[in-house]
Amino acid sequence: MSGQANIFEDLRAEGEQLYTFLKTLKEEDWSKTTTFKSWTINDVVEHLHFSDYMAVTSHKGEDDFKAMMAEMMDPKLKKGEFSKKVTGNTSGVELLERWKVLFEDMCDRFVATEPSRRLPWFGPDMGISMFATARLMETWSHSWAIYDVIGVPKVSTDVIKNIVTIGVKTYGWTFVNRKETAPEPKPYVKLTAPSGEVWDWNEPQADNMVEGDAVEFCQVVTQVRNIADVNLTVTGGPANQWMDIAQCFAGPPNDPPVPGSRLK
């Protein structure tokens, strides 16, 4: 149970870090356009709030989740209308506080959940620990767009080991999702954590490996950065093929950002 408890603590810590940073923004900052799909900061926080709302609805039960999906897919709704309804059509500090209350509710629900429980989602259902890890990954990755446009360095901690693990485990998924065969063997991954600790995965192979900074690895697998914009050392065919298209999140194949496009 201790390992599961840690992911919930890590998720809450990541949300608290983002909340503390967003509290420092000026009113005019919220309408600034980020380098992520030209979304404003308001758009990014609205997306996080909406995603957390869907997570809380899933936790309430399958019937609630199905009802939400039916309402969300109502053809009479205009694009984005359901999301605006969920967020109360708020923005700025009001949206921030609304997101934080729901985020804390989500974390509390996760902590109180039986370890074996699985929650419905858009694809296969997920165990509660993986579900929380996915929320951590999305909160961490989307926050980069905000830090980038404001021009403040984002400080990451070793909670990102959760994201690295997803990144490594979705090696095969990255290719299968594109209807391609994953090249073998899986690359050796050796990364330096924010704390300076060294993490590694898979069998050591000098001719097939990804090595470098754990934060940059997370940026690549979450598609916050193109592999050309980080300093990871990538050696060998399978490793290079993977880093060119890495995608650790669910959904249809998504191409990484164009080199240079996500940098301020």
C-alpha atoms as a PDB file:
ATOM      1  CA  MET A   1       0.000   0.000   0.000  1.00  0.00           C
ATOM      2  CA  SER A   2       2.946   2.351   0.615  1.00  0.00           C
ATOM      3  CA  GLY A   3       3.852   2.519  -3.078  1.00  0.00           C
ATOM      4  CA  GLN A   4       0.273   3.342  -3.961  1.00  0.00           C
ATOM      5  CA  ALA A   5       0.083   5.999  -1.263  1.00  0.00           C
ATOM      6  CA  ASN A   6       3.197   7.644  -2.689  1.00  0.00           C
ATOM      7  CA  ILE A   7       1.674   8.217  -6.123  1.00  0.00           C
ATOM      8  CA  PHE A   8      -1.261  10.003  -4.530  1.00  0.00           C
ATOM      9  CA  GLU A   9       1.104  12.167  -2.487  1.00  0.00           C
ATOM     10  CA  ASP A  10       3.151  12.859  -5.629  1.00  0.00           C
ATOM     11  CA  LEU A  11       0.024  13.867  -7.571  1.00  0.00           C
ATOM     12  CA  ARG A  12      -1.076  16.231  -4.819  1.00  0.00           C
ATOM     13  CA  ALA A  13       2.411  17.749  -4.598  1.00  0.00           C
ATOM     14  CA  GLU A  14       2.496  18.407  -8.348  1.00  0.00           C
ATOM     15  CA  GLY A  15      -0.901  20.085  -8.217  1.00  0.00           C
ATOM     16  CA  GLU A  16       0.141  22.206  -5.249  1.00  0.00           C
ATOM     17  CA  GLN A  17       3.290  23.343  -7.073  1.00  0.00           C
ATOM     18  CA  LEU A  18       1.283  24.422 -10.121  1.00  0.00           C
ATOM     19  CA  TYR A  19      -1.342  26.144  -7.974  1.00  0.00           C
ATOM     20  CA  THR A  20       1.320  28.101  -6.055  1.00  0.00           C
ATOM     21  CA  PHE A  21       2.886  29.252  -9.328  1.00  0.00           C
ATOM     22  CA  LEU A  22      -0.436  30.233 -10.911  1.00  0.00           C
ATOM     23  CA  LYS A  23      -1.259  32.334  -7.856  1.00  0.00           C
ATOM     24  CA  THR A  24       1.659  34.604  -8.800  1.00  0.00           C
ATOM     25  CA  LEU A  25       0.255  35.456 -12.251  1.00  0.00           C
ATOM     26  CA  LYS A  26      -1.070  38.893 -13.077  1.00  0.00           C
ATOM     27  CA  GLU A  27      -4.596  39.227 -14.397  1.00  0.00           C
ATOM     28  CA  GLU A  28      -3.360  39.966 -17.911  1.00  0.00           C
ATOM     29  CA  ASP A  29      -1.161  36.846 -17.931  1.00  0.00           C
ATOM     30  CA  TRP A  30      -4.159  34.522 -18.112  1.00  0.00           C
ATOM     31  CA  SER A  31      -4.961  35.554 -21.677  1.00  0.00           C
ATOM     32  CA  LYS A  32      -1.388  35.061 -22.935  1.00  0.00           C
ATOM     33  CA  THR A  33      -1.074  32.598 -25.805  1.00  0.00           C
ATOM     34  CA  THR A  34       1.173  29.616 -25.115  1.00  0.00           C
ATOM     35  CA  THR A  35       3.159  27.569 -27.635  1.00  0.00           C
ATOM     36  CA  PHE A  36       0.856  24.571 -27.044  1.00  0.00           C
ATOM     37  CA  LYS A  37      -1.751  24.634 -29.829  1.00  0.00           C
ATOM     38  CA  SER A  38      -1.946  28.432 -29.346  1.00  0.00           C
ATOM     39  CA  TRP A  39      -3.959  27.842 -26.165  1.00  0.00           C
ATOM     40  CA  THR A  40      -4.063  30.627 -23.602  1.00  0.00           C
ATOM     41  CA  ILE A  41      -3.181  29.964 -19.984  1.00  0.00           C
ATOM     42  CA  ASN A  42      -6.921  30.052 -19.294  1.00  0.00           C
ATOM     43  CA  ASP A  43      -7.372  27.301 -21.883  1.00  0.00           C
ATOM     44  CA  VAL A  44      -4.688  25.105 -20.308  1.00  0.00           C
ATOM     45  CA  VAL A  45      -6.142  25.370 -16.799  1.00  0.00           C
ATOM     46  CA  GLU A  46      -9.661  24.856 -18.140  1.00  0.00           C
ATOM     47  CA  HIS A  47      -8.452  21.660 -19.826  1.00  0.00           C
ATOM     48  CA  LEU A  48      -6.868  20.395 -16.610  1.00  0.00           C
ATOM     49  CA  HIS A  49     -10.032  21.227 -14.668  1.00  0.00           C
ATOM     50  CA  PHE A  50     -12.216  19.443 -17.207  1.00  0.00           C
ATOM     51  CA  SER A  51      -9.959  16.369 -17.212  1.00  0.00           C
ATOM     52  CA  ASP A  52     -10.038  16.239 -13.404  1.00  0.00           C
ATOM     53  CA  TYR A  53     -13.835  16.563 -13.531  1.00  0.00           C
ATOM     54  CA  MET A  54     -13.980  13.536 -15.817  1.00  0.00           C
ATOM     55  CA  ALA A  55     -11.692  11.655 -13.421  1.00  0.00           C
ATOM     56  CA  VAL A  56     -13.905  12.471 -10.421  1.00  0.00           C
ATOM     57  CA  THR A  57     -16.986  11.432 -12.414  1.00  0.00           C
ATOM     58  CA  SER A  58     -15.289   8.134 -13.275  1.00  0.00           C
ATOM     59  CA  HIS A  59     -14.523   7.592  -9.608  1.00  0.00           C
ATOM     60  CA  LYS A  60     -18.199   8.105  -8.732  1.00  0.00           C
ATOM     61  CA  GLY A  61     -19.026   5.022 -10.770  1.00  0.00           C
ATOM     62  CA  GLU A  62     -19.551   3.592 -14.235  1.00  0.00           C
ATOM     63  CA  ASP A  63     -23.149   4.827 -14.504  1.00  0.00           C
ATOM     64  CA  ASP A  64     -22.096   8.404 -13.751  1.00  0.00           C
ATOM     65  CA  PHE A  65     -19.257   8.161 -16.253  1.00  0.00           C
ATOM     66  CA  LYS A  66     -21.523   6.829 -19.002  1.00  0.00           C
ATOM     67  CA  ALA A  67     -24.074   9.571 -18.318  1.00  0.00           C
ATOM     68  CA  MET A  68     -21.351  12.204 -18.554  1.00  0.00           C
ATOM     69  CA  MET A  69     -20.099  10.736 -21.825  1.00  0.00           C
ATOM     70  CA  ALA A  70     -23.599  10.763 -23.295  1.00  0.00           C
ATOM     71  CA  GLU A  71     -24.087  14.403 -22.332  1.00  0.00           C
ATOM     72  CA  MET A  72     -20.647  15.368 -23.605  1.00  0.00           C
ATOM     73  CA  MET A  73     -21.288  13.707 -26.977  1.00  0.00           C
ATOM     74  CA  ASP A  74     -24.702  15.337 -27.439  1.00  0.00           C
ATOM     75  CA  PRO A  75     -24.691  16.541 -31.083  1.00  0.00           C
ATOM     76  CA  LYS A  76     -26.704  19.597 -30.094  1.00  0.00           C
ATOM     77  CA  LEU A  77     -23.804  20.937 -28.049  1.00  0.00           C
ATOM     78  CA  LYS A  78     -21.369  23.299 -29.727  1.00  0.00           C
ATOM     79  CA  LYS A  79     -17.647  22.543 -29.537  1.00  0.00           C
ATOM     80  CA  GLY A  80     -16.320  23.368 -26.084  1.00  0.00           C
ATOM     81  CA  GLU A  81     -19.766  24.069 -24.670  1.00  0.00           C
ATOM     82  CA  PHE A  82     -19.757  21.148 -22.250  1.00  0.00           C
ATOM     83  CA  SER A  83     -16.281  22.069 -21.002  1.00  0.00           C
ATOM     84  CA  LYS A  84     -17.429  25.649 -20.353  1.00  0.00           C
ATOM     85  CA  LYS A  85     -20.411  24.289 -18.443  1.00  0.00           C
ATOM     86  CA  VAL A  86     -18.125  22.168 -16.240  1.00  0.00           C
ATOM     87  CA  THR A  87     -15.803  25.086 -15.488  1.00  0.00           C
ATOM     88  CA  GLY A  88     -18.687  27.480 -14.904  1.00  0.00           C
ATOM     89  CA  ASN A  89     -17.385  29.605 -17.801  1.00  0.00           C
ATOM     90  CA  THR A  90     -14.864  31.076 -15.364  1.00  0.00           C
ATOM     91  CA  SER A  91     -11.364  32.379 -16.040  1.00  0.00           C
ATOM     92  CA  GLY A  92      -8.302  33.658 -14.246  1.00  0.00           C
ATOM     93  CA  VAL A  93      -8.185  33.395 -10.463  1.00  0.00           C
ATOM     94  CA  GLU A  94     -11.810  32.237 -10.247  1.00  0.00           C
ATOM     95  CA  LEU A  95     -11.034  29.332 -12.594  1.00  0.00           C
ATOM     96  CA  LEU A  96      -7.845  28.578 -10.640  1.00  0.00           C
ATOM     97  CA  GLU A  97      -9.696  28.275  -7.327  1.00  0.00           C
ATOM     98  CA  ARG A  98     -12.412  26.169  -8.927  1.00  0.00           C
ATOM     99  CA  TRP A  99      -9.776  23.825 -10.359  1.00  0.00           C
ATOM    100  CA  LYS A 100      -7.922  23.554  -7.034  1.00  0.00           C
ATOM    101  CA  VAL A 101     -11.052  22.566  -5.073  1.00  0.00           C
ATOM    102  CA  LEU A 102     -11.885  19.824  -7.573  1.00  0.00           C
ATOM    103  CA  PHE A 103      -8.246  18.697  -7.760  1.00  0.00           C
ATOM    104  CA  GLU A 104      -8.122  18.230  -3.982  1.00  0.00           C
ATOM    105  CA  ASP A 105     -11.428  16.336  -4.082  1.00  0.00           C
ATOM    106  CA  MET A 106      -9.967  14.043  -6.733  1.00  0.00           C
ATOM    107  CA  CYS A 107      -6.833  13.381  -4.670  1.00  0.00           C
ATOM    108  CA  ASP A 108      -8.894  12.683  -1.534  1.00  0.00           C
ATOM    109  CA  ARG A 109     -11.031  10.205  -3.452  1.00  0.00           C
ATOM    110  CA  PHE A 110      -7.969   8.408  -4.806  1.00  0.00           C
ATOM    111  CA  VAL A 111      -6.395   8.082  -1.346  1.00  0.00           C
ATOM    112  CA  ALA A 112      -9.572   6.528   0.057  1.00  0.00           C
ATOM    113  CA  THR A 113      -9.920   4.005  -2.780  1.00  0.00           C
ATOM    114  CA  GLU A 114      -9.407   0.271  -2.462  1.00  0.00           C
ATOM    115  CA  PRO A 115      -6.072  -0.632  -4.128  1.00  0.00           C
ATOM    116  CA  SER A 116      -7.703  -3.210  -6.408  1.00  0.00           C
ATOM    117  CA  ARG A 117     -10.370  -0.903  -7.800  1.00  0.00           C
ATOM    118  CA  ARG A 118     -10.413  -0.087 -11.503  1.00  0.00           C
ATOM    119  CA  LEU A 119     -11.974   3.045 -12.980  1.00  0.00           C
ATOM    120  CA  PRO A 120     -13.697   3.384 -16.372  1.00  0.00           C
ATOM    121  CA  TRP A 121     -12.042   5.628 -18.941  1.00  0.00           C
ATOM    122  CA  PHE A 122     -12.175   6.300 -22.690  1.00  0.00           C
ATOM    123  CA  GLY A 123     -10.212   3.182 -23.568  1.00  0.00           C
ATOM    124  CA  PRO A 124      -9.670   0.224 -21.230  1.00  0.00           C
ATOM    125  CA  ASP A 125     -10.399   0.838 -17.550  1.00  0.00           C
ATOM    126  CA  MET A 126      -7.408   1.551 -15.311  1.00  0.00           C
ATOM    127  CA  GLY A 127      -6.258   0.557 -11.855  1.00  0.00           C
ATOM    128  CA  ILE A 128      -6.401   3.388  -9.337  1.00  0.00           C
ATOM    129  CA  SER A 129      -2.598   3.796  -9.123  1.00  0.00           C
ATOM    130  CA  MET A 130      -2.215   4.065 -12.901  1.00  0.00           C
ATOM    131  CA  PHE A 131      -5.184   6.410 -13.053  1.00  0.00           C
ATOM    132  CA  ALA A 132      -3.517   8.738 -10.540  1.00  0.00           C
ATOM    133  CA  THR A 133      -0.221   8.474 -12.416  1.00  0.00           C
ATOM    134  CA  ALA A 134      -1.953   9.549 -15.621  1.00  0.00           C
ATOM    135  CA  ARG A 135      -3.356  12.621 -13.848  1.00  0.00           C
ATOM    136  CA  LEU A 136       0.132  13.434 -12.539  1.00  0.00           C
ATOM    137  CA  MET A 137       1.580  13.081 -16.026  1.00  0.00           C
ATOM    138  CA  GLU A 138      -1.005  15.407 -17.574  1.00  0.00           C
ATOM    139  CA  THR A 139      -0.738  18.019 -14.821  1.00  0.00           C
ATOM    140  CA  TRP A 140       3.068  18.051 -15.109  1.00  0.00           C
ATOM    141  CA  SER A 141       3.200  18.112 -18.907  1.00  0.00           C
ATOM    142  CA  HIS A 142       0.556  20.799 -19.483  1.00  0.00           C
ATOM    143  CA  SER A 143       2.121  23.079 -16.892  1.00  0.00           C
ATOM    144  CA  TRP A 144       5.185  23.476 -19.124  1.00  0.00           C
ATOM    145  CA  ALA A 145       3.203  25.560 -21.613  1.00  0.00           C
ATOM    146  CA  ILE A 146       2.452  28.035 -18.832  1.00  0.00           C
ATOM    147  CA  TYR A 147       5.982  28.180 -17.431  1.00  0.00           C
ATOM    148  CA  ASP A 148       7.351  28.600 -20.964  1.00  0.00           C
ATOM    149  CA  VAL A 149       5.161  31.568 -21.904  1.00  0.00           C
ATOM    150  CA  ILE A 150       5.723  33.331 -18.574  1.00  0.00           C
ATOM    151  CA  GLY A 151       9.464  32.681 -18.848  1.00  0.00           C
ATOM    152  CA  VAL A 152       9.911  31.128 -15.422  1.00  0.00           C
ATOM    153  CA  PRO A 153      11.940  27.898 -15.092  1.00  0.00           C
ATOM    154  CA  LYS A 154       9.852  24.940 -13.923  1.00  0.00           C
ATOM    155  CA  VAL A 155      11.476  23.066 -11.054  1.00  0.00           C
ATOM    156  CA  SER A 156      10.805  19.331 -11.192  1.00  0.00           C
ATOM    157  CA  THR A 157      11.361  16.879  -8.353  1.00  0.00           C
ATOM    158  CA  ASP A 158      11.789  13.130  -8.230  1.00  0.00           C
ATOM    159  CA  VAL A 159       8.007  12.683  -8.457  1.00  0.00           C
ATOM    160  CA  ILE A 160       8.668  12.553 -12.202  1.00  0.00           C
ATOM    161  CA  LYS A 161       9.913   8.983 -11.772  1.00  0.00           C
ATOM    162  CA  ASN A 162       6.238   8.082 -12.135  1.00  0.00           C
ATOM    163  CA  ILE A 163       6.215   9.752 -15.565  1.00  0.00           C
ATOM    164  CA  VAL A 164       9.521   8.198 -16.622  1.00  0.00           C
ATOM    165  CA  THR A 165       8.105   4.786 -15.768  1.00  0.00           C
ATOM    166  CA  ILE A 166       5.046   5.395 -17.957  1.00  0.00           C
ATOM    167  CA  GLY A 167       7.353   6.619 -20.710  1.00  0.00           C
ATOM    168  CA  VAL A 168       9.469   3.476 -20.594  1.00  0.00           C
ATOM    169  CA  LYS A 169       6.512   1.100 -20.299  1.00  0.00           C
ATOM    170  CA  THR A 170       4.750   2.639 -23.323  1.00  0.00           C
ATOM    171  CA  TYR A 171       7.656   1.876 -25.663  1.00  0.00           C
ATOM    172  CA  GLY A 172       5.644  -0.813 -27.426  1.00  0.00           C
ATOM    173  CA  TRP A 173       2.432   1.213 -27.299  1.00  0.00           C
ATOM    174  CA  THR A 174       4.058   4.079 -29.206  1.00  0.00           C
ATOM    175  CA  PHE A 175       4.512   1.799 -32.223  1.00  0.00           C
ATOM    176  CA  VAL A 176       1.395  -0.362 -31.899  1.00  0.00           C
ATOM    177  CA  ASN A 177      -0.688   2.830 -31.727  1.00  0.00           C
ATOM    178  CA  ARG A 178       0.685   3.681 -35.185  1.00  0.00           C
ATOM    179  CA  LYS A 179       0.074   0.145 -36.441  1.00  0.00           C
ATOM    180  CA  GLU A 180       3.824  -0.476 -36.527  1.00  0.00           C
ATOM    181  CA  THR A 181       5.912  -3.281 -35.061  1.00  0.00           C
ATOM    182  CA  ALA A 182       8.027  -2.158 -32.119  1.00  0.00           C
ATOM    183  CA  PRO A 183      11.730  -2.717 -32.936  1.00  0.00           C
ATOM    184  CA  GLU A 184      13.588  -5.058 -30.632  1.00  0.00           C
ATOM    185  CA  PRO A 185      15.303  -5.122 -28.290  1.00  0.00           C
ATOM    186  CA  LYS A 186      13.863  -2.417 -26.064  1.00  0.00           C
ATOM    187  CA  PRO A 187      16.462   0.315 -25.555  1.00  0.00           C
ATOM    188  CA  TYR A 188      18.365   0.680 -22.315  1.00  0.00           C
ATOM    189  CA  VAL A 189      17.264   3.854 -20.516  1.00  0.00           C
ATOM    190  CA  LYS A 190      19.665   5.526 -18.074  1.00  0.00           C
ATOM    191  CA  LEU A 191      18.601   8.868 -16.625  1.00  0.00           C
ATOM    192  CA  THR A 192      19.722  11.342 -13.984  1.00  0.00           C
ATOM    193  CA  ALA A 193      16.918  12.394 -11.641  1.00  0.00           C
ATOM    194  CA  PRO A 194      16.454  15.973 -10.390  1.00  0.00           C
ATOM    195  CA  SER A 195      17.977  14.807  -7.081  1.00  0.00           C
ATOM    196  CA  GLY A 196      21.055  13.473  -8.866  1.00  0.00           C
ATOM    197  CA  GLU A 197      20.086   9.842  -8.378  1.00  0.00           C
ATOM    198  CA  VAL A 198      20.608   7.601 -11.419  1.00  0.00           C
ATOM    199  CA  TRP A 199      17.611   5.590 -12.673  1.00  0.00           C
ATOM    200  CA  ASP A 200      17.758   2.861 -15.292  1.00  0.00           C
ATOM    201  CA  TRP A 201      15.431   0.481 -17.102  1.00  0.00           C
ATOM    202  CA  ASN A 202      15.862  -2.538 -19.404  1.00  0.00           C
ATOM    203  CA  GLU A 203      19.018  -4.478 -20.197  1.00  0.00           C
ATOM    204  CA  PRO A 204      22.230  -2.413 -20.559  1.00  0.00           C
ATOM    205  CA  GLN A 205      23.181  -2.002 -24.232  1.00  0.00           C
ATOM    206  CA  ALA A 206      25.869   0.439 -25.322  1.00  0.00           C
ATOM    207  CA  ASP A 207      24.575   0.376 -28.922  1.00  0.00           C
ATOM    208  CA  ASN A 208      20.873   0.872 -28.135  1.00  0.00           C
ATOM    209  CA  MET A 209      20.161   3.346 -25.370  1.00  0.00           C
ATOM    210  CA  VAL A 210      18.709   6.664 -24.234  1.00  0.00           C
ATOM    211  CA  GLU A 211      20.795   8.523 -21.679  1.00  0.00           C
ATOM    212  CA  GLY A 212      20.622  11.916 -20.018  1.00  0.00           C
ATOM    213  CA  ASP A 213      18.359  14.129 -17.946  1.00  0.00           C
ATOM    214  CA  ALA A 214      15.139  12.562 -16.605  1.00  0.00           C
ATOM    215  CA  VAL A 215      13.206  15.823 -17.003  1.00  0.00           C
ATOM    216  CA  GLU A 216      14.117  15.993 -20.691  1.00  0.00           C
ATOM    217  CA  PHE A 217      13.110  12.361 -21.169  1.00  0.00           C
ATOM    218  CA  CYS A 218       9.719  13.156 -19.650  1.00  0.00           C
ATOM    219  CA  GLN A 219       9.401  16.188 -21.921  1.00  0.00           C
ATOM    220  CA  VAL A 220       9.953  14.002 -24.975  1.00  0.00           C
ATOM    221  CA  VAL A 221       7.607  11.133 -24.070  1.00  0.00           C
ATOM    222  CA  THR A 222       4.838  13.579 -23.106  1.00  0.00           C
ATOM    223  CA  GLN A 223       5.526  15.580 -26.298  1.00  0.00           C
ATOM    224  CA  VAL A 224       6.360  18.786 -24.460  1.00  0.00           C
ATOM    225  CA  ARG A 225       9.561  18.980 -26.531  1.00  0.00           C
ATOM    226  CA  ASN A 226      10.860  17.534 -29.761  1.00  0.00           C
ATOM    227  CA  ILE A 227      13.838  15.235 -29.302  1.00  0.00           C
ATOM    228  CA  ALA A 228      15.880  17.760 -31.318  1.00  0.00           C
ATOM    229  CA  ASP A 229      15.315  20.377 -28.601  1.00  0.00           C
ATOM    230  CA  VAL A 230      16.794  18.425 -25.681  1.00  0.00           C
ATOM    231  CA  ASN A 231      20.247  17.086 -24.851  1.00  0.00           C
ATOM    232  CA  LEU A 232      19.474  13.402 -24.468  1.00  0.00           C
ATOM    233  CA  THR A 233      22.042  11.027 -25.960  1.00  0.00           C
ATOM    234  CA  VAL A 234      20.187   8.581 -28.197  1.00  0.00           C
ATOM    235  CA  THR A 235      22.143   5.645 -29.633  1.00  0.00           C
ATOM    236  CA  GLY A 236      20.958   2.933 -32.014  1.00  0.00           C
ATOM    237  CA  GLY A 237      18.062   2.293 -34.375  1.00  0.00           C
ATOM    238  CA  PRO A 238      15.300   1.264 -31.936  1.00  0.00           C
ATOM    239  CA  ALA A 239      16.145   4.099 -29.539  1.00  0.00           C
ATOM    240  CA  ASN A 240      16.127   6.726 -32.292  1.00  0.00           C
ATOM    241  CA  GLN A 241      12.916   5.409 -33.853  1.00  0.00           C
ATOM    242  CA  TRP A 242      11.258   5.568 -30.447  1.00  0.00           C
ATOM    243  CA  MET A 243      12.397   9.054 -29.479  1.00  0.00           C
ATOM    244  CA  ASP A 244      11.270  10.450 -32.835  1.00  0.00           C
ATOM    245  CA  ILE A 245       7.630   9.526 -32.151  1.00  0.00           C
ATOM    246  CA  ALA A 246       7.432   8.739 -28.417  1.00  0.00           C
ATOM    247  CA  GLN A 247       3.935   9.067 -26.951  1.00  0.00           C
ATOM    248  CA  CYS A 248       3.190   7.958 -23.399  1.00  0.00           C
ATOM    249  CA  PHE A 249      -0.415   9.166 -23.285  1.00  0.00           C
ATOM    250  CA  ALA A 250      -3.544   7.460 -24.577  1.00  0.00           C
ATOM    251  CA  GLY A 251      -5.424   8.456 -27.697  1.00  0.00           C
ATOM    252  CA  PRO A 252      -4.748   8.337 -31.425  1.00  0.00           C
ATOM    253  CA  PRO A 253      -1.190   8.777 -32.742  1.00  0.00           C
ATOM    254  CA  ASN A 254       0.022  12.278 -32.077  1.00  0.00           C
ATOM    255  CA  ASP A 255       3.134  13.733 -33.674  1.00  0.00           C
ATOM    256  CA  PRO A 256       5.678  15.499 -31.451  1.00  0.00           C
ATOM    257  CA  PRO A 257       5.896  19.288 -31.732  1.00  0.00           C
ATOM    258  CA  VAL A 258       7.962  20.679 -34.573  1.00  0.00           C
ATOM    259  CA  PRO A 259      11.569  21.330 -33.471  1.00  0.00           C
ATOM    260  CA  GLY A 260      11.819  24.699 -31.767  1.00  0.00           C
ATOM    261  CA  SER A 261       8.072  25.260 -31.624  1.00  0.00           C
ATOM    262  CA  ARG A 262       7.637  24.643 -27.882  1.00  0.00           C
ATOM    263  CA  LEU A 263      10.547  26.798 -26.788  1.00  0.00           C
ATOM    264  CA  LYS A 264       9.997  30.384 -25.662  1.00  0.00           C
END
